[in-house]
Amino acid sequence: MRQYFVYIMTNERYGTLYIGVTSDLVKRAYEHKNGFVEGFTEKYKLHRLVYYEQTENVTAAIEREKQLKTWKRQWKIELIDKFNPEWKDLYKKII
């Protein structure tokens, strides 16, 4: 069964946030961490994985990504605070 992930990257605690969706979280986080993703995440050095959700349904993952992108910033911060209170980089946890 294929897995899909909605994830949030940041540069620091309470810093700039990026929300994405992928079918390979380890690979995608690695790409962000090493500057292989051009654009917004590289410009703001968003190399820290602080949140992710997993689902087996690609449509649900895409819808959740869209939903989170419409949320107020404070709601996103509260979501991360609940999931990862210290805003640690979760990359080592997922590899």
Protein backbone atom coordinates (compact mmCIF):
# COMPACT_ATOMS: atom_id res chain seq x y z
CA MET A 1 0.00 0.00 0.00
CA ARG A 2 1.38 3.41 -0.96
CA GLN A 3 1.79 6.08 1.71
CA TYR A 4 1.39 9.84 1.34
CA PHE A 5 2.51 12.57 3.69
CA VAL A 6 1.58 16.15 4.41
CA TYR A 7 4.51 17.88 6.05
CA ILE A 8 5.70 21.21 7.41
CA MET A 9 9.25 22.54 7.09
CA THR A 10 10.65 25.58 8.90
CA ASN A 11 13.92 27.41 9.45
CA GLU A 12 13.55 27.86 13.22
CA ARG A 13 11.02 27.63 16.02
CA TYR A 14 8.06 29.87 15.14
CA GLY A 15 9.84 30.79 11.90
CA THR A 16 8.70 30.72 8.30
CA LEU A 17 6.51 27.70 7.47
CA TYR A 18 6.22 25.62 4.30
CA ILE A 19 3.52 22.99 3.81
CA GLY A 20 3.95 20.26 1.23
CA VAL A 21 2.73 16.81 0.21
CA THR A 22 4.82 13.84 -0.96
CA SER A 23 4.78 10.07 -1.35
CA ASP A 24 8.37 9.79 -0.07
CA LEU A 25 8.88 11.86 3.08
CA VAL A 26 12.47 10.76 3.69
CA LYS A 27 13.55 11.70 0.17
CA ARG A 28 11.63 14.98 0.15
CA ALA A 29 12.92 16.09 3.56
CA TYR A 30 16.46 15.21 2.43
CA GLU A 31 15.98 17.35 -0.68
CA HIS A 32 14.79 20.30 1.43
CA LYS A 33 17.59 19.89 3.97
CA ASN A 34 20.27 19.86 1.29
CA GLY A 35 18.97 22.73 -0.80
CA PHE A 36 17.85 20.61 -3.76
CA VAL A 37 14.39 22.22 -3.78
CA GLU A 38 14.65 25.59 -5.47
CA GLY A 39 12.34 28.44 -4.69
CA PHE A 40 10.62 29.32 -1.43
CA THR A 41 12.14 26.63 0.80
CA GLU A 42 15.69 27.33 -0.33
CA LYS A 43 15.27 31.12 -0.23
CA TYR A 44 14.17 30.98 3.42
CA LYS A 45 16.40 28.00 4.40
CA LEU A 46 13.46 25.85 5.45
CA HIS A 47 15.48 22.75 6.28
CA ARG A 48 13.82 21.54 9.50
CA LEU A 49 11.00 18.99 9.32
CA VAL A 50 8.74 19.79 12.28
CA TYR A 51 5.43 18.12 11.41
CA TYR A 52 3.97 15.38 9.25
CA GLU A 53 0.80 13.37 8.78
CA GLN A 54 0.52 10.05 6.96
CA THR A 55 -2.34 8.62 4.90
CA GLU A 56 -2.87 5.91 2.29
CA ASN A 57 -5.15 8.14 0.22
CA VAL A 58 -3.50 10.60 -2.18
CA THR A 59 -6.67 12.67 -2.51
CA ALA A 60 -6.94 13.00 1.26
CA ALA A 61 -3.29 14.10 1.45
CA ILE A 62 -3.76 16.76 -1.20
CA GLU A 63 -6.97 18.02 0.41
CA ARG A 64 -5.29 18.17 3.82
CA GLU A 65 -2.38 20.13 2.36
CA LYS A 66 -4.82 22.62 0.82
CA GLN A 67 -6.72 22.86 4.10
CA LEU A 68 -3.59 23.56 6.16
CA LYS A 69 -2.45 26.20 3.68
CA THR A 70 -5.70 28.12 4.31
CA TRP A 71 -5.33 28.00 8.10
CA LYS A 72 -4.31 31.01 10.13
CA ARG A 73 -0.64 31.00 11.08
CA GLN A 74 -1.49 30.61 14.78
CA TRP A 75 -3.47 27.43 14.09
CA LYS A 76 -0.48 25.96 12.24
CA ILE A 77 1.82 26.86 15.13
CA GLU A 78 -0.58 25.22 17.60
CA LEU A 79 -0.69 22.09 15.41
CA ILE A 80 3.12 21.86 15.44
CA ASP A 81 3.31 22.68 19.16
CA LYS A 82 0.95 19.78 19.92
CA PHE A 83 2.77 17.30 17.63
CA ASN A 84 6.35 18.44 18.28
CA PRO A 85 6.48 20.80 21.31
CA GLU A 86 10.22 21.45 21.04
CA TRP A 87 10.12 21.95 17.26
CA LYS A 88 12.90 19.39 16.87
CA ASP A 89 13.98 18.37 13.40
CA LEU A 90 12.15 15.07 12.86
CA TYR A 91 14.31 13.97 9.94
CA LYS A 92 16.39 11.55 12.03
CA LYS A 93 13.18 10.08 13.44
CA ILE A 94 11.86 9.16 9.99
CA ILE A 95 15.04 7.73 8.45
